[in-house]
Amino acid sequence: MISGVSLIVSKWNDSSINKRIQDVCTSIKIYSSHDNVSTELSFEIAYDYNDYYWINLELGDDVWLYVNGAVMFSGKITDIKFNSETNTHEITCYDMAWYICKNNI
């Protein structure tokens, strides 16, 4: 466990359910660049983790990444992939600016 890092997921349909999942992640990565307005957060969870069904991540769930008490990321899960070679779930999240960039209006 990395000290001072907290990864929290809240269900899209029930904001009262908050789960801290940083301890079950095999990796946590955050991407940002000058040519892309939105920030991407990706993390992996081992599929054979005993309490995986307790976690039950879905598209649209809210995600927050805190580092030493400060919010580094706030967004939603946009993609979940199962990697059979490493036996992990790869979860991709984007902040709210991603929705503005993808909007066709």
C-alpha atoms as a PDB file:
ATOM      1  CA  MET A   1       0.000   0.000   0.000  1.00  0.00           C
ATOM      2  CA  ILE A   2       1.225   3.464  -0.857  1.00  0.00           C
ATOM      3  CA  SER A   3       0.871   5.761   2.121  1.00  0.00           C
ATOM      4  CA  GLY A   4      -1.271   8.843   1.604  1.00  0.00           C
ATOM      5  CA  VAL A   5      -3.080   7.458  -1.487  1.00  0.00           C
ATOM      6  CA  SER A   6      -6.797   6.748  -1.382  1.00  0.00           C
ATOM      7  CA  LEU A   7      -8.878   5.510  -4.354  1.00  0.00           C
ATOM      8  CA  ILE A   8     -12.621   5.705  -3.691  1.00  0.00           C
ATOM      9  CA  VAL A   9     -15.474   4.441  -5.883  1.00  0.00           C
ATOM     10  CA  SER A  10     -19.108   5.462  -5.409  1.00  0.00           C
ATOM     11  CA  LYS A  11     -21.969   3.696  -7.202  1.00  0.00           C
ATOM     12  CA  TRP A  12     -23.607   5.713  -9.985  1.00  0.00           C
ATOM     13  CA  ASN A  13     -27.089   4.957  -8.631  1.00  0.00           C
ATOM     14  CA  ASP A  14     -26.377   5.222  -4.887  1.00  0.00           C
ATOM     15  CA  SER A  15     -23.858   7.842  -3.760  1.00  0.00           C
ATOM     16  CA  SER A  16     -24.101   6.647  -0.139  1.00  0.00           C
ATOM     17  CA  ILE A  17     -22.029   3.547  -1.000  1.00  0.00           C
ATOM     18  CA  ASN A  18     -18.340   4.506  -0.988  1.00  0.00           C
ATOM     19  CA  LYS A  19     -15.654   1.835  -1.328  1.00  0.00           C
ATOM     20  CA  ARG A  20     -11.930   2.359  -0.791  1.00  0.00           C
ATOM     21  CA  ILE A  21     -10.190   0.074  -3.266  1.00  0.00           C
ATOM     22  CA  GLN A  22      -6.552   1.216  -3.293  1.00  0.00           C
ATOM     23  CA  ASP A  23      -5.496  -1.899  -1.349  1.00  0.00           C
ATOM     24  CA  VAL A  24      -6.810  -4.327  -4.022  1.00  0.00           C
ATOM     25  CA  CYS A  25      -5.314  -2.464  -7.003  1.00  0.00           C
ATOM     26  CA  THR A  26      -2.248  -3.897  -8.707  1.00  0.00           C
ATOM     27  CA  SER A  27      -1.520  -0.521 -10.353  1.00  0.00           C
ATOM     28  CA  ILE A  28      -2.872   3.037 -10.393  1.00  0.00           C
ATOM     29  CA  LYS A  29      -1.906   5.427 -13.215  1.00  0.00           C
ATOM     30  CA  ILE A  30      -2.972   8.986 -13.990  1.00  0.00           C
ATOM     31  CA  TYR A  31      -2.423  10.633 -17.382  1.00  0.00           C
ATOM     32  CA  SER A  32      -2.621  14.258 -18.361  1.00  0.00           C
ATOM     33  CA  SER A  33      -1.199  16.203 -21.303  1.00  0.00           C
ATOM     34  CA  HIS A  34      -1.110  19.684 -22.815  1.00  0.00           C
ATOM     35  CA  ASP A  35      -2.992  18.706 -25.993  1.00  0.00           C
ATOM     36  CA  ASN A  36      -5.833  16.885 -24.213  1.00  0.00           C
ATOM     37  CA  VAL A  37      -8.127  18.802 -21.857  1.00  0.00           C
ATOM     38  CA  SER A  38      -9.334  15.752 -19.933  1.00  0.00           C
ATOM     39  CA  THR A  39      -7.407  13.648 -17.416  1.00  0.00           C
ATOM     40  CA  GLU A  40      -7.368   9.840 -17.539  1.00  0.00           C
ATOM     41  CA  LEU A  41      -7.065   7.559 -14.529  1.00  0.00           C
ATOM     42  CA  SER A  42      -6.528   3.830 -14.990  1.00  0.00           C
ATOM     43  CA  PHE A  43      -6.154   1.076 -12.427  1.00  0.00           C
ATOM     44  CA  GLU A  44      -6.068  -2.707 -12.363  1.00  0.00           C
ATOM     45  CA  ILE A  45      -7.701  -5.159  -9.981  1.00  0.00           C
ATOM     46  CA  ALA A  46      -6.718  -8.832  -9.858  1.00  0.00           C
ATOM     47  CA  TYR A  47      -9.676 -10.941 -11.010  1.00  0.00           C
ATOM     48  CA  ASP A  48      -9.109 -13.712  -8.495  1.00  0.00           C
ATOM     49  CA  TYR A  49      -9.257 -11.334  -5.538  1.00  0.00           C
ATOM     50  CA  ASN A  50     -11.539 -12.903  -2.905  1.00  0.00           C
ATOM     51  CA  ASP A  51     -13.851  -9.905  -2.506  1.00  0.00           C
ATOM     52  CA  TYR A  52     -14.057  -8.872  -6.176  1.00  0.00           C
ATOM     53  CA  TYR A  53     -17.845  -9.248  -6.227  1.00  0.00           C
ATOM     54  CA  TRP A  54     -18.057  -6.983  -3.199  1.00  0.00           C
ATOM     55  CA  ILE A  55     -16.368  -4.297  -5.275  1.00  0.00           C
ATOM     56  CA  ASN A  56     -18.736  -4.724  -8.287  1.00  0.00           C
ATOM     57  CA  LEU A  57     -17.491  -1.865 -10.488  1.00  0.00           C
ATOM     58  CA  GLU A  58     -19.755  -0.641 -13.323  1.00  0.00           C
ATOM     59  CA  LEU A  59     -19.625   1.945 -16.093  1.00  0.00           C
ATOM     60  CA  GLY A  60     -20.649   5.355 -14.771  1.00  0.00           C
ATOM     61  CA  ASP A  61     -19.485   4.801 -11.185  1.00  0.00           C
ATOM     62  CA  ASP A  62     -17.847   7.881  -9.642  1.00  0.00           C
ATOM     63  CA  VAL A  63     -14.130   7.682  -8.844  1.00  0.00           C
ATOM     64  CA  TRP A  64     -11.939   9.915  -6.651  1.00  0.00           C
ATOM     65  CA  LEU A  65      -8.185   9.714  -6.183  1.00  0.00           C
ATOM     66  CA  TYR A  66      -6.808  11.451  -3.095  1.00  0.00           C
ATOM     67  CA  VAL A  67      -3.103  11.958  -2.436  1.00  0.00           C
ATOM     68  CA  ASN A  68      -2.250  13.177   1.067  1.00  0.00           C
ATOM     69  CA  GLY A  69      -5.831  14.395   1.514  1.00  0.00           C
ATOM     70  CA  ALA A  70      -5.938  16.460  -1.702  1.00  0.00           C
ATOM     71  CA  VAL A  71      -8.166  15.477  -4.642  1.00  0.00           C
ATOM     72  CA  MET A  72      -5.962  14.541  -7.614  1.00  0.00           C
ATOM     73  CA  PHE A  73      -8.772  13.092  -9.754  1.00  0.00           C
ATOM     74  CA  SER A  74     -12.561  13.159  -9.819  1.00  0.00           C
ATOM     75  CA  GLY A  75     -14.425  11.443 -12.650  1.00  0.00           C
ATOM     76  CA  LYS A  76     -16.372   8.410 -13.873  1.00  0.00           C
ATOM     77  CA  ILE A  77     -15.586   4.890 -15.054  1.00  0.00           C
ATOM     78  CA  THR A  78     -15.826   4.847 -18.869  1.00  0.00           C
ATOM     79  CA  ASP A  79     -14.347   1.439 -19.749  1.00  0.00           C
ATOM     80  CA  ILE A  80     -13.743  -1.933 -18.084  1.00  0.00           C
ATOM     81  CA  LYS A  81     -11.667  -4.636 -19.804  1.00  0.00           C
ATOM     82  CA  PHE A  82     -10.694  -8.117 -18.696  1.00  0.00           C
ATOM     83  CA  ASN A  83      -7.108  -9.057 -19.534  1.00  0.00           C
ATOM     84  CA  SER A  84      -6.907 -12.870 -19.699  1.00  0.00           C
ATOM     85  CA  GLU A  85      -3.094 -12.913 -19.903  1.00  0.00           C
ATOM     86  CA  THR A  86      -2.616 -11.156 -16.554  1.00  0.00           C
ATOM     87  CA  ASN A  87      -5.985 -12.203 -15.075  1.00  0.00           C
ATOM     88  CA  THR A  88      -6.875  -8.612 -14.175  1.00  0.00           C
ATOM     89  CA  HIS A  89      -9.641  -6.113 -14.792  1.00  0.00           C
ATOM     90  CA  GLU A  90      -8.368  -2.880 -16.342  1.00  0.00           C
ATOM     91  CA  ILE A  91     -10.589   0.084 -15.446  1.00  0.00           C
ATOM     92  CA  THR A  92     -10.343   3.401 -17.306  1.00  0.00           C
ATOM     93  CA  CYS A  93     -11.820   6.624 -15.907  1.00  0.00           C
ATOM     94  CA  TYR A  94     -12.035  10.163 -17.263  1.00  0.00           C
ATOM     95  CA  ASP A  95     -12.814  13.431 -15.543  1.00  0.00           C
ATOM     96  CA  MET A  96     -15.855  15.515 -16.478  1.00  0.00           C
ATOM     97  CA  ALA A  97     -13.944  17.429 -19.181  1.00  0.00           C
ATOM     98  CA  TRP A  98     -13.993  14.198 -21.249  1.00  0.00           C
ATOM     99  CA  TYR A  99     -17.772  14.464 -21.593  1.00  0.00           C
ATOM    100  CA  ILE A 100     -17.430  18.025 -22.899  1.00  0.00           C
ATOM    101  CA  CYS A 101     -14.806  16.914 -25.463  1.00  0.00           C
ATOM    102  CA  LYS A 102     -17.000  13.989 -26.652  1.00  0.00           C
ATOM    103  CA  ASN A 103     -20.179  16.081 -26.900  1.00  0.00           C
ATOM    104  CA  ASN A 104     -21.450  16.703 -30.454  1.00  0.00           C
ATOM    105  CA  ILE A 105     -23.307  19.934 -29.674  1.00  0.00           C
END
